[in-house]
PDB file of all heavy atoms in Angstrom:
ATOM      1  N   VAL A   1       0.834  -1.202   0.000  1.00  0.00           N
ATOM      2  CA  VAL A   1       0.000   0.000   0.000  1.00  0.00           C
ATOM      3  C   VAL A   1       0.871   1.254   0.000  1.00  0.00           C
ATOM      4  O   VAL A   1       0.572   2.236  -0.681  1.00  0.00           O
ATOM      5  CB  VAL A   1      -0.935  -0.005   1.233  1.00  0.00           C
ATOM      6  CG1 VAL A   1      -1.573   1.360   1.440  1.00  0.00           C
ATOM      7  CG2 VAL A   1      -2.009  -1.076   1.079  1.00  0.00           C
ATOM      8  N   MET A   2       1.968   1.206   0.729  1.00  0.00           N
ATOM      9  CA  MET A   2       2.773   2.400   0.926  1.00  0.00           C
ATOM     10  C   MET A   2       3.506   2.851  -0.329  1.00  0.00           C
ATOM     11  O   MET A   2       3.559   4.050  -0.637  1.00  0.00           O
ATOM     12  CB  MET A   2       3.760   2.153   2.068  1.00  0.00           C
ATOM     13  CG  MET A   2       3.060   1.918   3.401  1.00  0.00           C
ATOM     14  SD  MET A   2       4.156   1.301   4.705  1.00  0.00           S
ATOM     15  CE  MET A   2       4.367  -0.413   4.221  1.00  0.00           C
ATOM     16  N   ASN A   3       4.082   1.937  -1.084  1.00  0.00           N
ATOM     17  CA  ASN A   3       4.938   2.340  -2.208  1.00  0.00           C
ATOM     18  C   ASN A   3       4.350   2.011  -3.573  1.00  0.00           C
ATOM     19  O   ASN A   3       5.080   1.950  -4.571  1.00  0.00           O
ATOM     20  CB  ASN A   3       6.322   1.702  -2.075  1.00  0.00           C
ATOM     21  CG  ASN A   3       6.297   0.187  -2.230  1.00  0.00           C
ATOM     22  OD1 ASN A   3       5.249  -0.442  -2.103  1.00  0.00           O
ATOM     23  ND2 ASN A   3       7.446  -0.407  -2.488  1.00  0.00           N
ATOM     24  N   ALA A   4       3.044   1.806  -3.655  1.00  0.00           N
ATOM     25  CA  ALA A   4       2.419   1.418  -4.928  1.00  0.00           C
ATOM     26  C   ALA A   4       2.666   2.444  -6.029  1.00  0.00           C
ATOM     27  O   ALA A   4       2.780   2.090  -7.208  1.00  0.00           O
ATOM     28  CB  ALA A   4       0.918   1.212  -4.736  1.00  0.00           C
ATOM     29  N   PHE A   5       2.766   3.712  -5.669  1.00  0.00           N
ATOM     30  CA  PHE A   5       3.089   4.763  -6.641  1.00  0.00           C
ATOM     31  C   PHE A   5       4.601   4.989  -6.728  1.00  0.00           C
ATOM     32  O   PHE A   5       5.169   5.102  -7.817  1.00  0.00           O
ATOM     33  CB  PHE A   5       2.404   6.079  -6.268  1.00  0.00           C
ATOM     34  CG  PHE A   5       0.906   6.061  -6.402  1.00  0.00           C
ATOM     35  CD1 PHE A   5       0.099   6.316  -5.310  1.00  0.00           C
ATOM     36  CD2 PHE A   5       0.302   5.791  -7.622  1.00  0.00           C
ATOM     37  CE1 PHE A   5      -1.282   6.306  -5.423  1.00  0.00           C
ATOM     38  CE2 PHE A   5      -1.084   5.773  -7.752  1.00  0.00           C
ATOM     39  CZ  PHE A   5      -1.882   6.036  -6.651  1.00  0.00           C
ATOM     40  N   HIS A   6       5.251   5.040  -5.596  1.00  0.00           N
ATOM     41  CA  HIS A   6       6.679   5.360  -5.542  1.00  0.00           C
ATOM     42  C   HIS A   6       7.522   4.351  -6.310  1.00  0.00           C
ATOM     43  O   HIS A   6       8.602   4.704  -6.826  1.00  0.00           O
ATOM     44  CB  HIS A   6       7.142   5.414  -4.075  1.00  0.00           C
ATOM     45  CG  HIS A   6       8.623   5.585  -3.918  1.00  0.00           C
ATOM     46  ND1 HIS A   6       9.273   6.771  -4.178  1.00  0.00           N
ATOM     47  CD2 HIS A   6       9.594   4.706  -3.524  1.00  0.00           C
ATOM     48  CE1 HIS A   6      10.565   6.627  -3.959  1.00  0.00           C
ATOM     49  NE2 HIS A   6      10.787   5.378  -3.557  1.00  0.00           N
ATOM     50  N   ILE A   7       7.074   3.129  -6.418  1.00  0.00           N
ATOM     51  CA  ILE A   7       7.865   2.088  -7.067  1.00  0.00           C
ATOM     52  C   ILE A   7       8.197   2.455  -8.514  1.00  0.00           C
ATOM     53  O   ILE A   7       9.241   2.065  -9.044  1.00  0.00           O
ATOM     54  CB  ILE A   7       7.124   0.719  -6.995  1.00  0.00           C
ATOM     55  CG1 ILE A   7       8.110  -0.436  -7.209  1.00  0.00           C
ATOM     56  CG2 ILE A   7       5.962   0.656  -7.974  1.00  0.00           C
ATOM     57  CD1 ILE A   7       9.059  -0.640  -6.072  1.00  0.00           C
ATOM     58  N   LEU A   8       7.337   3.250  -9.160  1.00  0.00           N
ATOM     59  CA  LEU A   8       7.603   3.696 -10.531  1.00  0.00           C
ATOM     60  C   LEU A   8       8.795   4.641 -10.571  1.00  0.00           C
ATOM     61  O   LEU A   8       9.685   4.512 -11.423  1.00  0.00           O
ATOM     62  CB  LEU A   8       6.370   4.377 -11.116  1.00  0.00           C
ATOM     63  CG  LEU A   8       5.093   3.538 -11.174  1.00  0.00           C
ATOM     64  CD1 LEU A   8       3.925   4.385 -11.669  1.00  0.00           C
ATOM     65  CD2 LEU A   8       5.282   2.320 -12.068  1.00  0.00           C
ATOM     66  N   ASP A   9       8.823   5.609  -9.664  1.00  0.00           N
ATOM     67  CA  ASP A   9       9.952   6.545  -9.601  1.00  0.00           C
ATOM     68  C   ASP A   9      11.237   5.824  -9.214  1.00  0.00           C
ATOM     69  O   ASP A   9      12.326   6.159  -9.702  1.00  0.00           O
ATOM     70  CB  ASP A   9       9.662   7.660  -8.592  1.00  0.00           C
ATOM     71  CG  ASP A   9       8.509   8.556  -9.022  1.00  0.00           C
ATOM     72  OD1 ASP A   9       8.341   8.752 -10.245  1.00  0.00           O
ATOM     73  OD2 ASP A   9       7.783   9.049  -8.148  1.00  0.00           O
ATOM     74  N   PHE A  10      11.107   4.850  -8.336  1.00  0.00           N
ATOM     75  CA  PHE A  10      12.275   4.081  -7.915  1.00  0.00           C
ATOM     76  C   PHE A  10      12.871   3.321  -9.095  1.00  0.00           C
ATOM     77  O   PHE A  10      14.098   3.329  -9.301  1.00  0.00           O
ATOM     78  CB  PHE A  10      11.880   3.119  -6.793  1.00  0.00           C
ATOM     79  CG  PHE A  10      12.994   2.246  -6.289  1.00  0.00           C
ATOM     80  CD1 PHE A  10      14.257   2.771  -6.042  1.00  0.00           C
ATOM     81  CD2 PHE A  10      12.784   0.893  -6.052  1.00  0.00           C
ATOM     82  CE1 PHE A  10      15.290   1.972  -5.566  1.00  0.00           C
ATOM     83  CE2 PHE A  10      13.804   0.088  -5.583  1.00  0.00           C
ATOM     84  CZ  PHE A  10      15.055   0.620  -5.348  1.00  0.00           C
ATOM     85  N   TYR A  11      12.016   2.695  -9.880  1.00  0.00           N
ATOM     86  CA  TYR A  11      12.522   1.961 -11.047  1.00  0.00           C
ATOM     87  C   TYR A  11      13.220   2.909 -12.020  1.00  0.00           C
ATOM     88  O   TYR A  11      14.310   2.605 -12.526  1.00  0.00           O
ATOM     89  CB  TYR A  11      11.391   1.224 -11.759  1.00  0.00           C
ATOM     90  CG  TYR A  11      11.876   0.515 -13.012  1.00  0.00           C
ATOM     91  CD1 TYR A  11      12.573  -0.683 -12.923  1.00  0.00           C
ATOM     92  CD2 TYR A  11      11.683   1.071 -14.284  1.00  0.00           C
ATOM     93  CE1 TYR A  11      13.061  -1.318 -14.053  1.00  0.00           C
ATOM     94  CE2 TYR A  11      12.162   0.441 -15.421  1.00  0.00           C
ATOM     95  CZ  TYR A  11      12.858  -0.752 -15.300  1.00  0.00           C
ATOM     96  OH  TYR A  11      13.350  -1.374 -16.415  1.00  0.00           O
ATOM     97  N   LYS A  12      12.612   4.041 -12.282  1.00  0.00           N
ATOM     98  CA  LYS A  12      13.209   5.016 -13.204  1.00  0.00           C
ATOM     99  C   LYS A  12      14.588   5.435 -12.723  1.00  0.00           C
ATOM    100  O   LYS A  12      15.543   5.508 -13.506  1.00  0.00           O
ATOM    101  CB  LYS A  12      12.305   6.247 -13.342  1.00  0.00           C
ATOM    102  CG  LYS A  12      11.002   6.004 -14.065  1.00  0.00           C
ATOM    103  CD  LYS A  12      10.164   7.283 -14.069  1.00  0.00           C
ATOM    104  CE  LYS A  12       8.800   7.073 -14.675  1.00  0.00           C
ATOM    105  NZ  LYS A  12       7.976   8.313 -14.620  1.00  0.00           N
ATOM    106  N   TRP A  13      14.704   5.716 -11.419  1.00  0.00           N
ATOM    107  CA  TRP A  13      16.009   6.130 -10.893  1.00  0.00           C
ATOM    108  C   TRP A  13      17.039   5.012 -11.053  1.00  0.00           C
ATOM    109  O   TRP A  13      18.186   5.272 -11.460  1.00  0.00           O
ATOM    110  CB  TRP A  13      15.899   6.494  -9.410  1.00  0.00           C
ATOM    111  CG  TRP A  13      17.222   6.924  -8.847  1.00  0.00           C
ATOM    112  CD1 TRP A  13      17.736   8.186  -8.829  1.00  0.00           C
ATOM    113  CD2 TRP A  13      18.240   6.060  -8.297  1.00  0.00           C
ATOM    114  NE1 TRP A  13      19.002   8.182  -8.289  1.00  0.00           N
ATOM    115  CE2 TRP A  13      19.331   6.890  -7.949  1.00  0.00           C
ATOM    116  CE3 TRP A  13      18.322   4.695  -8.044  1.00  0.00           C
ATOM    117  CZ2 TRP A  13      20.495   6.386  -7.376  1.00  0.00           C
ATOM    118  CZ3 TRP A  13      19.478   4.196  -7.486  1.00  0.00           C
ATOM    119  CH2 TRP A  13      20.553   5.019  -7.156  1.00  0.00           C
ATOM    120  N   CYS A  14      16.658   3.787 -10.749  1.00  0.00           N
ATOM    121  CA  CYS A  14      17.585   2.654 -10.843  1.00  0.00           C
ATOM    122  C   CYS A  14      18.144   2.507 -12.252  1.00  0.00           C
ATOM    123  O   CYS A  14      19.339   2.234 -12.440  1.00  0.00           O
ATOM    124  CB  CYS A  14      16.881   1.361 -10.423  1.00  0.00           C
ATOM    125  SG  CYS A  14      16.586   1.204  -8.649  1.00  0.00           S
ATOM    126  N   VAL A  15      17.294   2.685 -13.245  1.00  0.00           N
ATOM    127  CA  VAL A  15      17.719   2.538 -14.640  1.00  0.00           C
ATOM    128  C   VAL A  15      18.492   3.764 -15.113  1.00  0.00           C
ATOM    129  O   VAL A  15      19.574   3.655 -15.695  1.00  0.00           O
ATOM    130  CB  VAL A  15      16.503   2.276 -15.550  1.00  0.00           C
ATOM    131  CG1 VAL A  15      16.919   2.263 -17.020  1.00  0.00           C
ATOM    132  CG2 VAL A  15      15.834   0.951 -15.176  1.00  0.00           C
ATOM    133  N   ASP A  16      17.940   4.946 -14.863  1.00  0.00           N
ATOM    134  CA  ASP A  16      18.554   6.183 -15.364  1.00  0.00           C
ATOM    135  C   ASP A  16      19.926   6.435 -14.754  1.00  0.00           C
ATOM    136  O   ASP A  16      20.817   6.995 -15.407  1.00  0.00           O
ATOM    137  CB  ASP A  16      17.643   7.381 -15.080  1.00  0.00           C
ATOM    138  CG  ASP A  16      16.344   7.332 -15.874  1.00  0.00           C
ATOM    139  OD1 ASP A  16      16.261   6.527 -16.825  1.00  0.00           O
ATOM    140  OD2 ASP A  16      15.409   8.079 -15.531  1.00  0.00           O
ATOM    141  N   SER A  17      20.118   6.018 -13.506  1.00  0.00           N
ATOM    142  CA  SER A  17      21.408   6.221 -12.839  1.00  0.00           C
ATOM    143  C   SER A  17      22.369   5.067 -13.087  1.00  0.00           C
ATOM    144  O   SER A  17      23.488   5.073 -12.569  1.00  0.00           O
ATOM    145  CB  SER A  17      21.198   6.389 -11.334  1.00  0.00           C
ATOM    146  OG  SER A  17      20.709   5.180 -10.761  1.00  0.00           O
ATOM    147  N   LYS A  18      21.916   4.065 -13.870  1.00  0.00           N
ATOM    148  CA  LYS A  18      22.716   2.870 -14.167  1.00  0.00           C
ATOM    149  C   LYS A  18      23.073   2.077 -12.905  1.00  0.00           C
ATOM    150  O   LYS A  18      24.099   1.405 -12.826  1.00  0.00           O
ATOM    151  CB  LYS A  18      23.973   3.239 -14.960  1.00  0.00           C
ATOM    152  CG  LYS A  18      23.660   3.798 -16.348  1.00  0.00           C
ATOM    153  CD  LYS A  18      24.913   4.118 -17.122  1.00  0.00           C
ATOM    154  CE  LYS A  18      24.596   4.451 -18.583  1.00  0.00           C
ATOM    155  NZ  LYS A  18      23.545   5.478 -18.762  1.00  0.00           N
ATOM    156  N   PHE A  19      22.200   2.167 -11.915  1.00  0.00           N
ATOM    157  CA  PHE A  19      22.334   1.360 -10.706  1.00  0.00           C
ATOM    158  C   PHE A  19      22.150  -0.112 -11.052  1.00  0.00           C
ATOM    159  O   PHE A  19      22.806  -0.990 -10.485  1.00  0.00           O
ATOM    160  CB  PHE A  19      21.287   1.813  -9.690  1.00  0.00           C
ATOM    161  CG  PHE A  19      21.488   1.321  -8.293  1.00  0.00           C
ATOM    162  CD1 PHE A  19      22.529   1.805  -7.508  1.00  0.00           C
ATOM    163  CD2 PHE A  19      20.627   0.384  -7.735  1.00  0.00           C
ATOM    164  CE1 PHE A  19      22.710   1.364  -6.207  1.00  0.00           C
ATOM    165  CE2 PHE A  19      20.795  -0.059  -6.432  1.00  0.00           C
ATOM    166  CZ  PHE A  19      21.844   0.425  -5.662  1.00  0.00           C
ATOM    167  N   ILE A  20      21.244  -0.380 -11.995  1.00  0.00           N
ATOM    168  CA  ILE A  20      20.992  -1.726 -12.516  1.00  0.00           C
ATOM    169  C   ILE A  20      20.719  -1.623 -14.009  1.00  0.00           C
ATOM    170  O   ILE A  20      20.464  -0.526 -14.538  1.00  0.00           O
ATOM    171  CB  ILE A  20      19.777  -2.399 -11.840  1.00  0.00           C
ATOM    172  CG1 ILE A  20      18.519  -1.531 -12.020  1.00  0.00           C
ATOM    173  CG2 ILE A  20      20.050  -2.704 -10.382  1.00  0.00           C
ATOM    174  CD1 ILE A  20      17.225  -2.200 -11.647  1.00  0.00           C
ATOM    175  N   LEU A  21      20.724  -2.772 -14.678  1.00  0.00           N
ATOM    176  CA  LEU A  21      20.223  -2.846 -16.047  1.00  0.00           C
ATOM    177  C   LEU A  21      18.695  -2.876 -16.004  1.00  0.00           C
ATOM    178  O   LEU A  21      18.107  -3.277 -14.984  1.00  0.00           O
ATOM    179  CB  LEU A  21      20.759  -4.089 -16.741  1.00  0.00           C
ATOM    180  CG  LEU A  21      22.279  -4.154 -16.941  1.00  0.00           C
ATOM    181  CD1 LEU A  21      22.675  -5.508 -17.528  1.00  0.00           C
ATOM    182  CD2 LEU A  21      22.757  -3.023 -17.842  1.00  0.00           C
ATOM    183  N   PRO A  22      18.024  -2.494 -17.059  1.00  0.00           N
ATOM    184  CA  PRO A  22      16.556  -2.411 -17.032  1.00  0.00           C
ATOM    185  C   PRO A  22      15.847  -3.695 -16.623  1.00  0.00           C
ATOM    186  O   PRO A  22      14.777  -3.639 -16.006  1.00  0.00           O
ATOM    187  CB  PRO A  22      16.200  -2.023 -18.480  1.00  0.00           C
ATOM    188  CG  PRO A  22      17.390  -1.274 -18.961  1.00  0.00           C
ATOM    189  CD  PRO A  22      18.572  -1.968 -18.328  1.00  0.00           C
ATOM    190  N   THR A  23      16.435  -4.863 -16.943  1.00  0.00           N
ATOM    191  CA  THR A  23      15.776  -6.129 -16.613  1.00  0.00           C
ATOM    192  C   THR A  23      16.189  -6.689 -15.259  1.00  0.00           C
ATOM    193  O   THR A  23      15.690  -7.743 -14.841  1.00  0.00           O
ATOM    194  CB  THR A  23      16.068  -7.188 -17.696  1.00  0.00           C
ATOM    195  OG1 THR A  23      17.485  -7.292 -17.893  1.00  0.00           O
ATOM    196  CG2 THR A  23      15.398  -6.818 -19.012  1.00  0.00           C
ATOM    197  N   ASP A  24      17.088  -6.005 -14.557  1.00  0.00           N
ATOM    198  CA  ASP A  24      17.547  -6.496 -13.250  1.00  0.00           C
ATOM    199  C   ASP A  24      16.680  -5.914 -12.132  1.00  0.00           C
ATOM    200  O   ASP A  24      17.175  -5.334 -11.149  1.00  0.00           O
ATOM    201  CB  ASP A  24      19.018  -6.142 -13.032  1.00  0.00           C
ATOM    202  CG  ASP A  24      19.933  -6.871 -13.999  1.00  0.00           C
ATOM    203  OD1 ASP A  24      19.497  -7.911 -14.533  1.00  0.00           O
ATOM    204  OD2 ASP A  24      21.060  -6.408 -14.231  1.00  0.00           O
ATOM    205  N   PHE A  25      15.396  -6.115 -12.280  1.00  0.00           N
ATOM    206  CA  PHE A  25      14.421  -5.551 -11.343  1.00  0.00           C
ATOM    207  C   PHE A  25      13.249  -6.511 -11.263  1.00  0.00           C
ATOM    208  O   PHE A  25      12.578  -6.768 -12.257  1.00  0.00           O
ATOM    209  CB  PHE A  25      13.947  -4.191 -11.864  1.00  0.00           C
ATOM    210  CG  PHE A  25      13.217  -3.337 -10.853  1.00  0.00           C
ATOM    211  CD1 PHE A  25      13.912  -2.536  -9.972  1.00  0.00           C
ATOM    212  CD2 PHE A  25      11.835  -3.320 -10.808  1.00  0.00           C
ATOM    213  CE1 PHE A  25      13.247  -1.721  -9.054  1.00  0.00           C
ATOM    214  CE2 PHE A  25      11.156  -2.524  -9.895  1.00  0.00           C
ATOM    215  CZ  PHE A  25      11.864  -1.722  -9.015  1.00  0.00           C
TER     216      PHE A  25
END
C-alpha cells in the first residue's frame, strides 16, 4: 500500500542512474 506509486519513480532512478540494467528488477 505504501509504495504502490513510488515504485515507478524508484525503477526510473535505478535505470537512469545505471544502478541496474533495465531487466535487473
